[in-house]
């Protein structure tokens, strides 16, 4: 299956594990869509787990997933490039070279300042291209964010949970605990419809070319 009929999409991950936490089930489910994932940094500013080990953890997660190509920037922190430099970097190496149907970014309504920085790249990167934009939910997404697109990942939830445990450096974080993982993937309206676990997105612009 293809996610929303997309052939190839680009996912911007501010840190190692953001895309994985927010949309791994969707990637596993829609294996006829190819997902290019750019890990923009090796961790967060002021985070003592930031470093090469976190990049290796991402590689461990995706090493056997044929519809994923993982890319690294060789930059440790997002602040090493300005906003306009990030746009130029991603355009030069990705969106000007490949035909992408969609760009995935973290949400605008997010309590993590680096997630918000990456969200702000979406419209500049698609300003003259018919590329759809979808936001993916992260543990720091605020409650005022309203999703409008849902993926049923119930049959992929256990595999996603198992793969997330490969992030050894993050396993003690509160949002990696089993009960909170289940809560993060639960949605009342979806549950009413018989869907136990979902990943949540917000469609910002949708182009079907």
N, C-alpha and C. Protein backbone atom coordinates (compact mmCIF):
# COMPACT_ATOMS: atom_id res chain seq x y z
N UNK A 1 0.84 -1.20 0.00
CA UNK A 1 0.00 0.00 0.00
C UNK A 1 0.87 1.26 0.00
N UNK A 2 0.30 2.33 -0.54
CA UNK A 2 0.98 3.63 -0.53
C UNK A 2 0.22 4.58 0.38
N UNK A 3 0.95 5.34 1.17
CA UNK A 3 0.33 6.31 2.07
C UNK A 3 -0.21 7.48 1.24
N UNK A 4 -1.54 7.66 1.24
CA UNK A 4 -2.22 8.71 0.49
C UNK A 4 -1.83 8.70 -1.00
N UNK A 5 -1.39 7.55 -1.49
CA UNK A 5 -1.01 7.43 -2.88
C UNK A 5 0.37 8.00 -3.21
N UNK A 6 1.12 8.40 -2.19
CA UNK A 6 2.44 8.99 -2.42
C UNK A 6 3.46 7.92 -2.82
N UNK A 7 4.28 8.26 -3.80
CA UNK A 7 5.36 7.36 -4.21
C UNK A 7 6.61 7.54 -3.37
N UNK A 8 7.01 8.81 -3.18
CA UNK A 8 8.24 9.10 -2.45
C UNK A 8 8.04 10.35 -1.62
N UNK A 9 8.44 10.28 -0.34
CA UNK A 9 8.24 11.41 0.56
C UNK A 9 9.55 11.69 1.30
N UNK A 10 9.64 12.91 1.83
CA UNK A 10 10.81 13.36 2.59
C UNK A 10 10.38 13.68 4.01
N UNK A 11 11.05 13.09 4.98
CA UNK A 11 10.71 13.30 6.39
C UNK A 11 11.87 14.03 7.08
N UNK A 12 11.56 15.16 7.70
CA UNK A 12 12.59 15.92 8.42
C UNK A 12 12.52 15.57 9.90
N UNK A 13 13.62 15.04 10.42
CA UNK A 13 13.70 14.64 11.82
C UNK A 13 14.68 15.56 12.53
N UNK A 14 14.20 16.47 13.39
CA UNK A 14 15.12 17.38 14.09
C UNK A 14 16.22 16.64 14.84
N UNK A 15 15.83 15.53 15.47
CA UNK A 15 16.77 14.73 16.28
C UNK A 15 16.60 13.25 15.95
N UNK A 16 17.57 12.43 16.29
CA UNK A 16 17.37 11.00 16.19
C UNK A 16 16.18 10.58 17.06
N UNK A 17 15.26 9.86 16.50
CA UNK A 17 14.05 9.27 17.11
C UNK A 17 12.78 10.08 16.91
N UNK A 18 12.82 11.30 16.38
CA UNK A 18 11.58 12.08 16.21
C UNK A 18 10.66 11.46 15.16
N UNK A 19 11.18 11.21 13.97
CA UNK A 19 10.37 10.56 12.94
C UNK A 19 9.96 9.16 13.39
N UNK A 20 10.86 8.46 14.03
CA UNK A 20 10.56 7.11 14.47
C UNK A 20 9.42 7.10 15.49
N UNK A 21 9.47 8.01 16.44
CA UNK A 21 8.42 8.06 17.45
C UNK A 21 7.10 8.51 16.83
N UNK A 22 7.16 9.45 15.92
CA UNK A 22 5.93 10.04 15.38
C UNK A 22 5.26 9.25 14.29
N UNK A 23 6.03 8.50 13.48
CA UNK A 23 5.40 7.90 12.29
C UNK A 23 5.99 6.58 11.85
N UNK A 24 6.67 5.87 12.74
CA UNK A 24 7.25 4.59 12.34
C UNK A 24 6.20 3.58 11.91
N UNK A 25 5.07 3.53 12.61
CA UNK A 25 4.02 2.58 12.24
C UNK A 25 3.50 2.81 10.84
N UNK A 26 3.37 4.08 10.47
CA UNK A 26 2.92 4.43 9.12
C UNK A 26 3.94 3.98 8.09
N UNK A 27 5.21 4.16 8.38
CA UNK A 27 6.27 3.74 7.46
C UNK A 27 6.27 2.23 7.30
N UNK A 28 6.10 1.50 8.40
CA UNK A 28 6.05 0.04 8.33
C UNK A 28 4.83 -0.44 7.54
N UNK A 29 3.71 0.23 7.73
CA UNK A 29 2.46 -0.19 7.09
C UNK A 29 2.46 0.07 5.59
N UNK A 30 2.88 1.26 5.20
CA UNK A 30 2.78 1.65 3.80
C UNK A 30 4.12 1.42 3.10
N UNK A 31 4.42 0.14 2.88
CA UNK A 31 5.75 -0.22 2.40
C UNK A 31 5.93 -0.03 0.90
N UNK A 32 4.90 0.44 0.20
CA UNK A 32 5.06 0.80 -1.21
C UNK A 32 5.29 2.30 -1.41
N UNK A 33 5.31 3.05 -0.32
CA UNK A 33 5.77 4.43 -0.35
C UNK A 33 7.21 4.45 0.15
N UNK A 34 8.08 5.16 -0.56
CA UNK A 34 9.47 5.25 -0.12
C UNK A 34 9.65 6.49 0.75
N UNK A 35 10.26 6.30 1.90
CA UNK A 35 10.46 7.37 2.87
C UNK A 35 11.95 7.70 2.96
N UNK A 36 12.32 8.90 2.52
CA UNK A 36 13.66 9.43 2.77
C UNK A 36 13.60 10.17 4.11
N UNK A 37 14.43 9.78 5.05
CA UNK A 37 14.46 10.42 6.37
C UNK A 37 15.79 11.15 6.52
N UNK A 38 15.71 12.45 6.78
CA UNK A 38 16.92 13.22 7.07
C UNK A 38 17.00 13.45 8.56
N UNK A 39 18.02 12.91 9.19
CA UNK A 39 18.29 13.18 10.60
C UNK A 39 19.16 14.44 10.64
N UNK A 40 18.56 15.55 11.03
CA UNK A 40 19.20 16.85 10.87
C UNK A 40 20.31 17.11 11.89
N UNK A 41 20.31 16.41 13.00
CA UNK A 41 21.32 16.62 14.03
C UNK A 41 21.60 15.30 14.72
N UNK A 42 22.55 15.30 15.64
CA UNK A 42 22.81 14.09 16.42
C UNK A 42 22.20 14.19 17.81
N UNK A 43 21.28 15.13 18.00
CA UNK A 43 20.57 15.26 19.26
C UNK A 43 20.22 16.71 19.56
N UNK A 44 19.63 16.92 20.72
CA UNK A 44 19.18 18.25 21.09
C UNK A 44 20.26 19.06 21.78
N UNK A 45 20.13 20.38 21.65
CA UNK A 45 21.02 21.27 22.38
C UNK A 45 20.78 21.09 23.88
N UNK A 46 21.83 21.07 24.67
CA UNK A 46 21.77 20.89 26.12
C UNK A 46 21.29 19.49 26.53
N UNK A 47 21.41 18.51 25.63
CA UNK A 47 21.01 17.14 25.91
C UNK A 47 22.28 16.29 26.02
N UNK A 48 22.49 15.69 27.18
CA UNK A 48 23.75 14.96 27.39
C UNK A 48 23.81 13.62 26.65
N UNK A 49 22.72 13.22 25.98
CA UNK A 49 22.77 12.00 25.17
C UNK A 49 23.13 12.30 23.71
N UNK A 50 23.25 13.57 23.37
CA UNK A 50 23.56 13.96 22.00
C UNK A 50 24.93 13.42 21.59
N UNK A 51 24.98 12.82 20.39
CA UNK A 51 26.26 12.32 19.92
C UNK A 51 26.12 11.19 18.92
N UNK A 52 27.25 10.59 18.57
CA UNK A 52 27.31 9.57 17.54
C UNK A 52 26.49 8.33 17.89
N UNK A 53 26.40 8.00 19.17
CA UNK A 53 25.64 6.81 19.57
C UNK A 53 24.18 6.91 19.16
N UNK A 54 23.60 8.10 19.24
CA UNK A 54 22.20 8.26 18.86
C UNK A 54 22.00 8.06 17.37
N UNK A 55 22.97 8.45 16.57
CA UNK A 55 22.88 8.22 15.13
C UNK A 55 22.95 6.73 14.82
N UNK A 56 23.77 6.02 15.56
CA UNK A 56 23.86 4.57 15.36
C UNK A 56 22.55 3.90 15.73
N UNK A 57 21.89 4.42 16.75
CA UNK A 57 20.60 3.85 17.14
C UNK A 57 19.58 3.97 16.02
N UNK A 58 19.56 5.10 15.33
CA UNK A 58 18.65 5.27 14.20
C UNK A 58 18.98 4.26 13.10
N UNK A 59 20.25 4.09 12.82
CA UNK A 59 20.65 3.12 11.81
C UNK A 59 20.21 1.71 12.19
N UNK A 60 20.31 1.38 13.46
CA UNK A 60 19.89 0.06 13.92
C UNK A 60 18.40 -0.17 13.69
N UNK A 61 17.60 0.88 13.86
CA UNK A 61 16.16 0.77 13.69
C UNK A 61 15.78 0.46 12.24
N UNK A 62 16.44 1.13 11.31
CA UNK A 62 15.99 1.05 9.91
C UNK A 62 16.82 0.14 9.03
N UNK A 63 17.79 -0.57 9.57
CA UNK A 63 18.74 -1.29 8.73
C UNK A 63 18.10 -2.35 7.84
N UNK A 64 16.95 -2.88 8.24
CA UNK A 64 16.30 -3.93 7.45
C UNK A 64 14.97 -3.49 6.84
N UNK A 65 14.76 -2.18 6.72
CA UNK A 65 13.49 -1.68 6.19
C UNK A 65 13.71 -1.18 4.77
N UNK A 66 13.24 -1.92 3.76
CA UNK A 66 13.59 -1.60 2.37
C UNK A 66 12.99 -0.30 1.83
N UNK A 67 11.91 0.20 2.41
CA UNK A 67 11.29 1.42 1.88
C UNK A 67 11.77 2.68 2.60
N UNK A 68 12.91 2.58 3.30
CA UNK A 68 13.48 3.73 4.01
C UNK A 68 14.92 3.95 3.56
N UNK A 69 15.23 5.21 3.24
CA UNK A 69 16.62 5.62 3.05
C UNK A 69 16.94 6.67 4.09
N UNK A 70 17.96 6.41 4.88
CA UNK A 70 18.31 7.27 6.00
C UNK A 70 19.49 8.15 5.60
N UNK A 71 19.35 9.46 5.90
CA UNK A 71 20.40 10.42 5.56
C UNK A 71 20.82 11.17 6.83
N UNK A 72 22.11 11.51 6.90
CA UNK A 72 22.64 12.29 8.02
C UNK A 72 23.32 13.55 7.47
N UNK A 73 23.31 14.61 8.27
CA UNK A 73 23.87 15.89 7.83
C UNK A 73 25.31 16.10 8.27
N UNK A 74 25.80 15.30 9.21
CA UNK A 74 27.13 15.46 9.82
C UNK A 74 27.20 16.66 10.76
N UNK A 75 26.05 17.28 11.05
CA UNK A 75 26.01 18.40 11.99
C UNK A 75 25.53 17.88 13.35
N UNK A 76 26.14 18.40 14.40
CA UNK A 76 25.75 17.96 15.73
C UNK A 76 24.46 18.62 16.19
N UNK A 77 24.32 19.92 15.93
CA UNK A 77 23.18 20.67 16.44
C UNK A 77 22.52 21.49 15.33
N UNK A 78 21.22 21.70 15.47
CA UNK A 78 20.48 22.48 14.49
C UNK A 78 21.00 23.90 14.36
N UNK A 79 21.46 24.47 15.46
CA UNK A 79 21.86 25.87 15.45
C UNK A 79 23.14 26.13 14.66
N UNK A 80 23.76 25.07 14.17
CA UNK A 80 24.97 25.24 13.36
C UNK A 80 24.67 25.84 12.00
N UNK A 81 23.41 25.78 11.57
CA UNK A 81 22.99 26.44 10.34
C UNK A 81 21.84 27.39 10.64
N UNK A 82 21.80 28.52 9.94
CA UNK A 82 20.68 29.45 10.07
C UNK A 82 19.47 28.91 9.31
N UNK A 83 18.33 29.56 9.49
CA UNK A 83 17.10 29.14 8.82
C UNK A 83 17.28 29.11 7.31
N UNK A 84 17.81 30.17 6.73
CA UNK A 84 17.97 30.20 5.27
C UNK A 84 19.01 29.20 4.80
N UNK A 85 20.03 28.94 5.62
CA UNK A 85 21.04 27.95 5.26
C UNK A 85 20.45 26.54 5.26
N UNK A 86 19.56 26.26 6.20
CA UNK A 86 18.89 24.97 6.21
C UNK A 86 18.04 24.78 4.96
N UNK A 87 17.31 25.81 4.58
CA UNK A 87 16.49 25.72 3.36
C UNK A 87 17.37 25.43 2.16
N UNK A 88 18.46 26.16 2.04
CA UNK A 88 19.37 25.96 0.91
C UNK A 88 19.98 24.56 0.94
N UNK A 89 20.36 24.10 2.13
CA UNK A 89 20.96 22.78 2.28
C UNK A 89 20.01 21.68 1.81
N UNK A 90 18.76 21.72 2.27
CA UNK A 90 17.80 20.67 1.94
C UNK A 90 17.38 20.76 0.47
N UNK A 91 17.23 21.98 -0.03
CA UNK A 91 16.92 22.14 -1.45
C UNK A 91 18.03 21.57 -2.33
N UNK A 92 19.26 21.93 -2.02
CA UNK A 92 20.39 21.54 -2.85
C UNK A 92 20.59 20.03 -2.90
N UNK A 93 20.46 19.39 -1.75
CA UNK A 93 20.76 17.96 -1.66
C UNK A 93 19.55 17.05 -1.85
N UNK A 94 18.34 17.63 -1.71
CA UNK A 94 17.17 16.76 -1.73
C UNK A 94 16.05 17.25 -2.66
N UNK A 95 15.36 18.32 -2.30
CA UNK A 95 14.14 18.65 -3.03
C UNK A 95 14.38 19.14 -4.45
N UNK A 96 15.58 19.63 -4.75
CA UNK A 96 15.89 20.03 -6.12
C UNK A 96 16.44 18.85 -6.94
N UNK A 97 16.75 17.75 -6.28
CA UNK A 97 17.33 16.60 -6.98
C UNK A 97 16.35 15.45 -7.14
N UNK A 98 15.41 15.32 -6.20
CA UNK A 98 14.48 14.20 -6.21
C UNK A 98 13.04 14.71 -6.34
N UNK A 99 12.16 13.86 -6.86
CA UNK A 99 10.75 14.20 -6.96
C UNK A 99 10.02 13.66 -5.74
N UNK A 100 9.67 14.54 -4.84
CA UNK A 100 8.95 14.16 -3.63
C UNK A 100 7.48 14.56 -3.74
N UNK A 101 6.62 13.67 -3.26
CA UNK A 101 5.19 13.96 -3.23
C UNK A 101 4.77 14.69 -1.96
N UNK A 102 5.54 14.52 -0.90
CA UNK A 102 5.13 15.08 0.39
C UNK A 102 6.35 15.34 1.26
N UNK A 103 6.20 16.35 2.12
CA UNK A 103 7.20 16.69 3.13
C UNK A 103 6.56 16.53 4.50
N UNK A 104 7.18 15.75 5.37
CA UNK A 104 6.72 15.56 6.74
C UNK A 104 7.60 16.35 7.69
N UNK A 105 6.97 17.12 8.58
CA UNK A 105 7.69 17.93 9.56
C UNK A 105 6.99 17.82 10.91
N UNK A 106 7.68 18.12 12.02
CA UNK A 106 7.00 18.18 13.32
C UNK A 106 5.96 19.29 13.32
N UNK A 107 5.17 19.33 14.35
CA UNK A 107 4.05 20.27 14.39
C UNK A 107 4.50 21.70 14.72
N UNK A 108 3.68 22.63 14.28
CA UNK A 108 3.91 24.04 14.62
C UNK A 108 3.62 24.29 16.09
N UNK A 109 2.58 23.63 16.60
CA UNK A 109 2.20 23.78 18.01
C UNK A 109 2.98 22.76 18.83
N UNK A 110 4.20 23.10 19.19
CA UNK A 110 5.12 22.17 19.84
C UNK A 110 5.90 22.91 20.91
N UNK A 111 6.13 22.25 22.04
CA UNK A 111 6.85 22.90 23.14
C UNK A 111 8.36 22.81 22.98
N UNK A 112 8.84 22.05 22.00
CA UNK A 112 10.28 21.93 21.78
C UNK A 112 10.71 22.94 20.72
N UNK A 113 11.59 23.86 21.10
CA UNK A 113 11.95 24.96 20.21
C UNK A 113 12.61 24.47 18.93
N UNK A 114 13.33 23.35 18.97
CA UNK A 114 13.99 22.85 17.77
C UNK A 114 13.00 22.18 16.82
N UNK A 115 11.94 21.61 17.35
CA UNK A 115 10.87 21.09 16.49
C UNK A 115 10.20 22.24 15.73
N UNK A 116 9.99 23.35 16.41
CA UNK A 116 9.36 24.50 15.78
C UNK A 116 10.24 25.07 14.67
N UNK A 117 11.54 25.07 14.89
CA UNK A 117 12.47 25.56 13.86
C UNK A 117 12.33 24.73 12.59
N UNK A 118 12.25 23.41 12.73
CA UNK A 118 12.15 22.53 11.57
C UNK A 118 10.79 22.70 10.90
N UNK A 119 9.73 22.87 11.68
CA UNK A 119 8.41 23.10 11.09
C UNK A 119 8.43 24.32 10.16
N UNK A 120 9.16 25.34 10.55
CA UNK A 120 9.19 26.58 9.78
C UNK A 120 9.93 26.46 8.45
N UNK A 121 10.55 25.32 8.20
CA UNK A 121 11.23 25.10 6.92
C UNK A 121 10.25 24.63 5.83
N UNK A 122 9.08 24.15 6.24
CA UNK A 122 8.18 23.47 5.31
C UNK A 122 7.72 24.35 4.15
N UNK A 123 7.19 25.52 4.44
CA UNK A 123 6.66 26.36 3.37
C UNK A 123 7.76 26.93 2.47
N UNK A 124 8.90 27.37 3.01
CA UNK A 124 9.98 27.78 2.10
C UNK A 124 10.44 26.66 1.18
N UNK A 125 10.47 25.43 1.67
CA UNK A 125 10.94 24.31 0.85
C UNK A 125 9.95 23.92 -0.24
N UNK A 126 8.68 24.29 -0.07
CA UNK A 126 7.66 23.91 -1.05
C UNK A 126 7.07 25.13 -1.77
N UNK A 127 7.76 26.26 -1.70
CA UNK A 127 7.18 27.51 -2.20
C UNK A 127 6.90 27.49 -3.70
N UNK A 128 7.69 26.76 -4.49
CA UNK A 128 7.46 26.71 -5.93
C UNK A 128 7.30 25.27 -6.42
N UNK A 129 6.97 24.38 -5.48
CA UNK A 129 6.83 22.97 -5.83
C UNK A 129 5.48 22.44 -5.35
N UNK A 130 4.89 21.56 -6.12
CA UNK A 130 3.62 20.95 -5.73
C UNK A 130 3.84 19.80 -4.78
N UNK A 131 4.42 20.08 -3.64
CA UNK A 131 4.71 19.07 -2.62
C UNK A 131 3.74 19.25 -1.46
N UNK A 132 3.08 18.18 -1.09
CA UNK A 132 2.18 18.24 0.07
C UNK A 132 2.98 18.40 1.35
N UNK A 133 2.33 18.94 2.38
CA UNK A 133 2.95 19.08 3.69
C UNK A 133 2.06 18.41 4.73
N UNK A 134 2.63 17.50 5.51
CA UNK A 134 1.94 16.91 6.64
C UNK A 134 2.79 17.09 7.89
N UNK A 135 2.15 17.46 8.98
CA UNK A 135 2.81 17.50 10.28
C UNK A 135 2.61 16.17 10.98
N UNK A 136 3.66 15.68 11.65
CA UNK A 136 3.53 14.46 12.46
C UNK A 136 3.65 14.81 13.93
N UNK A 137 2.89 14.10 14.74
CA UNK A 137 2.85 14.37 16.17
C UNK A 137 4.07 13.81 16.88
N UNK A 138 4.59 14.56 17.86
CA UNK A 138 5.70 14.11 18.70
C UNK A 138 5.27 14.19 20.17
N UNK A 139 6.04 13.62 21.09
CA UNK A 139 5.67 13.72 22.50
C UNK A 139 5.58 15.14 23.03
N UNK A 140 6.22 16.10 22.36
CA UNK A 140 6.17 17.49 22.83
C UNK A 140 5.12 18.32 22.09
N UNK A 141 4.32 17.68 21.25
CA UNK A 141 3.22 18.39 20.57
C UNK A 141 2.19 18.84 21.61
N UNK A 142 1.75 20.08 21.49
CA UNK A 142 0.81 20.64 22.46
C UNK A 142 -0.62 20.18 22.17
N UNK A 143 -1.46 20.22 23.21
CA UNK A 143 -2.84 19.77 23.06
C UNK A 143 -3.67 20.66 22.14
N UNK A 144 -3.23 21.90 21.90
CA UNK A 144 -4.01 22.77 21.02
C UNK A 144 -3.86 22.39 19.55
N UNK A 145 -2.89 21.50 19.24
CA UNK A 145 -2.74 20.98 17.88
C UNK A 145 -3.88 20.02 17.58
N UNK A 146 -4.48 20.14 16.40
CA UNK A 146 -5.62 19.29 16.04
C UNK A 146 -5.27 18.43 14.82
N UNK A 147 -5.13 17.13 15.00
CA UNK A 147 -4.86 16.27 13.85
C UNK A 147 -6.10 16.11 12.98
N UNK A 148 -5.89 15.85 11.70
CA UNK A 148 -7.02 15.59 10.81
C UNK A 148 -6.79 14.39 9.89
N UNK A 149 -5.68 13.69 10.12
CA UNK A 149 -5.35 12.51 9.33
C UNK A 149 -4.82 11.44 10.28
N UNK A 150 -5.36 10.24 10.16
CA UNK A 150 -5.03 9.18 11.11
C UNK A 150 -4.65 7.90 10.36
N UNK A 151 -3.61 7.23 10.86
CA UNK A 151 -3.21 5.94 10.33
C UNK A 151 -3.47 4.87 11.38
N UNK A 152 -4.21 3.84 11.02
CA UNK A 152 -4.44 2.71 11.91
C UNK A 152 -3.18 1.85 11.94
N UNK A 153 -2.47 1.88 13.06
CA UNK A 153 -1.23 1.09 13.17
C UNK A 153 -1.37 -0.04 14.19
N UNK A 154 -2.59 -0.43 14.49
CA UNK A 154 -2.81 -1.43 15.54
C UNK A 154 -1.97 -2.68 15.32
N UNK A 155 -1.93 -3.18 14.09
CA UNK A 155 -1.19 -4.42 13.83
C UNK A 155 0.32 -4.20 13.79
N UNK A 156 0.74 -2.94 13.79
CA UNK A 156 2.17 -2.63 13.75
C UNK A 156 2.68 -2.05 15.07
N UNK A 157 1.78 -1.89 16.03
CA UNK A 157 2.15 -1.21 17.27
C UNK A 157 3.23 -1.98 18.03
N UNK A 158 3.07 -3.30 18.17
CA UNK A 158 4.05 -4.09 18.93
C UNK A 158 5.43 -4.01 18.28
N UNK A 159 5.47 -4.06 16.95
CA UNK A 159 6.76 -3.96 16.27
C UNK A 159 7.37 -2.58 16.46
N UNK A 160 6.54 -1.55 16.40
CA UNK A 160 7.05 -0.19 16.62
C UNK A 160 7.62 -0.08 18.04
N UNK A 161 6.89 -0.57 19.00
CA UNK A 161 7.37 -0.50 20.39
C UNK A 161 8.69 -1.23 20.55
N UNK A 162 8.81 -2.40 19.92
CA UNK A 162 10.05 -3.16 20.00
C UNK A 162 11.20 -2.38 19.37
N UNK A 163 10.95 -1.76 18.24
CA UNK A 163 12.01 -1.01 17.55
C UNK A 163 12.41 0.24 18.33
N UNK A 164 11.46 0.88 18.97
CA UNK A 164 11.78 2.07 19.76
C UNK A 164 12.72 1.73 20.92
N UNK A 165 12.64 0.51 21.39
CA UNK A 165 13.52 0.10 22.49
C UNK A 165 14.98 -0.01 22.04
N UNK A 166 15.23 0.07 20.72
CA UNK A 166 16.61 0.08 20.24
C UNK A 166 17.28 1.43 20.51
N UNK A 167 16.48 2.43 20.87
CA UNK A 167 17.05 3.71 21.28
C UNK A 167 17.47 3.60 22.74
N UNK A 168 18.58 2.93 22.94
CA UNK A 168 19.06 2.65 24.30
C UNK A 168 19.27 3.92 25.11
N UNK A 169 19.74 4.98 24.46
CA UNK A 169 20.04 6.22 25.17
C UNK A 169 18.79 6.93 25.66
N UNK A 170 17.62 6.55 25.12
CA UNK A 170 16.39 7.26 25.44
C UNK A 170 15.42 6.43 26.28
N UNK A 171 15.76 5.19 26.57
CA UNK A 171 14.80 4.27 27.20
C UNK A 171 14.33 4.73 28.58
N UNK A 172 15.10 5.58 29.24
CA UNK A 172 14.70 6.06 30.56
C UNK A 172 13.85 7.33 30.48
N UNK A 173 13.66 7.87 29.29
CA UNK A 173 12.83 9.06 29.14
C UNK A 173 11.36 8.68 29.41
N UNK A 174 10.63 9.63 29.99
CA UNK A 174 9.26 9.34 30.39
C UNK A 174 8.39 8.88 29.23
N UNK A 175 8.62 9.44 28.04
CA UNK A 175 7.74 9.13 26.91
C UNK A 175 8.06 7.79 26.25
N UNK A 176 9.08 7.08 26.73
CA UNK A 176 9.38 5.74 26.24
C UNK A 176 8.80 4.65 27.15
N UNK A 177 8.11 5.03 28.20
CA UNK A 177 7.52 4.05 29.09
C UNK A 177 6.29 3.41 28.44
N UNK A 178 6.05 2.14 28.73
CA UNK A 178 5.02 1.37 28.02
C UNK A 178 3.64 2.01 28.10
N UNK A 179 3.22 2.43 29.29
CA UNK A 179 1.88 3.01 29.43
C UNK A 179 1.74 4.30 28.62
N UNK A 180 2.79 5.10 28.61
CA UNK A 180 2.73 6.36 27.88
C UNK A 180 2.81 6.13 26.37
N UNK A 181 3.53 5.11 25.93
CA UNK A 181 3.52 4.77 24.52
C UNK A 181 2.12 4.40 24.05
N UNK A 182 1.43 3.62 24.85
CA UNK A 182 0.05 3.25 24.50
C UNK A 182 -0.86 4.47 24.50
N UNK A 183 -0.68 5.34 25.48
CA UNK A 183 -1.49 6.56 25.54
C UNK A 183 -1.23 7.47 24.35
N UNK A 184 0.04 7.60 23.97
CA UNK A 184 0.40 8.45 22.84
C UNK A 184 -0.27 7.99 21.56
N UNK A 185 -0.46 6.71 21.41
CA UNK A 185 -1.02 6.16 20.18
C UNK A 185 -2.53 5.92 20.26
N UNK A 186 -3.15 6.42 21.30
CA UNK A 186 -4.60 6.27 21.46
C UNK A 186 -5.32 7.57 21.13
N UNK A 187 -6.49 7.44 20.52
CA UNK A 187 -7.30 8.60 20.17
C UNK A 187 -8.76 8.23 20.38
N UNK A 188 -9.47 9.04 21.14
CA UNK A 188 -10.84 8.68 21.54
C UNK A 188 -11.75 8.47 20.34
N UNK A 189 -11.72 9.40 19.38
CA UNK A 189 -12.61 9.28 18.23
C UNK A 189 -12.26 8.05 17.39
N UNK A 190 -10.96 7.75 17.27
CA UNK A 190 -10.55 6.56 16.53
C UNK A 190 -10.97 5.29 17.26
N UNK A 191 -10.83 5.30 18.59
CA UNK A 191 -11.20 4.13 19.38
C UNK A 191 -12.68 3.83 19.25
N UNK A 192 -13.51 4.89 19.17
CA UNK A 192 -14.95 4.70 18.97
C UNK A 192 -15.24 3.95 17.68
N UNK A 193 -14.35 4.10 16.71
CA UNK A 193 -14.51 3.46 15.41
C UNK A 193 -13.85 2.09 15.35
N UNK A 194 -13.38 1.61 16.51
CA UNK A 194 -12.80 0.29 16.58
C UNK A 194 -11.32 0.23 16.26
N UNK A 195 -10.64 1.39 16.25
CA UNK A 195 -9.22 1.45 15.94
C UNK A 195 -8.45 1.69 17.24
N UNK A 196 -7.66 0.73 17.66
CA UNK A 196 -7.02 0.79 18.98
C UNK A 196 -5.86 1.75 19.01
N UNK A 197 -4.95 1.64 18.02
CA UNK A 197 -3.75 2.48 18.03
C UNK A 197 -3.62 3.21 16.69
N UNK A 198 -3.31 4.50 16.78
CA UNK A 198 -3.16 5.32 15.58
C UNK A 198 -1.91 6.18 15.68
N UNK A 199 -1.44 6.61 14.52
CA UNK A 199 -0.51 7.73 14.43
C UNK A 199 -1.28 8.90 13.86
N UNK A 200 -0.97 10.09 14.37
CA UNK A 200 -1.78 11.27 14.06
C UNK A 200 -0.97 12.29 13.26
N UNK A 201 -1.62 12.84 12.25
CA UNK A 201 -1.01 13.81 11.37
C UNK A 201 -1.97 14.98 11.15
N UNK A 202 -1.42 16.06 10.68
CA UNK A 202 -2.24 17.19 10.25
C UNK A 202 -1.84 17.54 8.82
N UNK A 203 -2.79 17.42 7.90
CA UNK A 203 -2.53 17.78 6.51
C UNK A 203 -2.58 19.29 6.39
N UNK A 204 -1.47 19.90 6.01
CA UNK A 204 -1.36 21.35 5.88
C UNK A 204 -1.66 21.77 4.44
N UNK A 205 -1.09 21.06 3.49
CA UNK A 205 -1.45 21.27 2.09
C UNK A 205 -1.32 19.93 1.37
N UNK A 206 -2.24 19.69 0.45
CA UNK A 206 -2.28 18.39 -0.22
C UNK A 206 -2.35 18.62 -1.72
N UNK A 207 -1.35 18.13 -2.40
CA UNK A 207 -1.30 18.19 -3.87
C UNK A 207 -1.31 16.76 -4.40
N UNK A 208 -2.22 16.49 -5.31
CA UNK A 208 -2.26 15.19 -5.97
C UNK A 208 -1.96 15.43 -7.43
N UNK A 209 -0.71 15.19 -7.82
CA UNK A 209 -0.25 15.50 -9.17
C UNK A 209 -0.31 14.28 -10.07
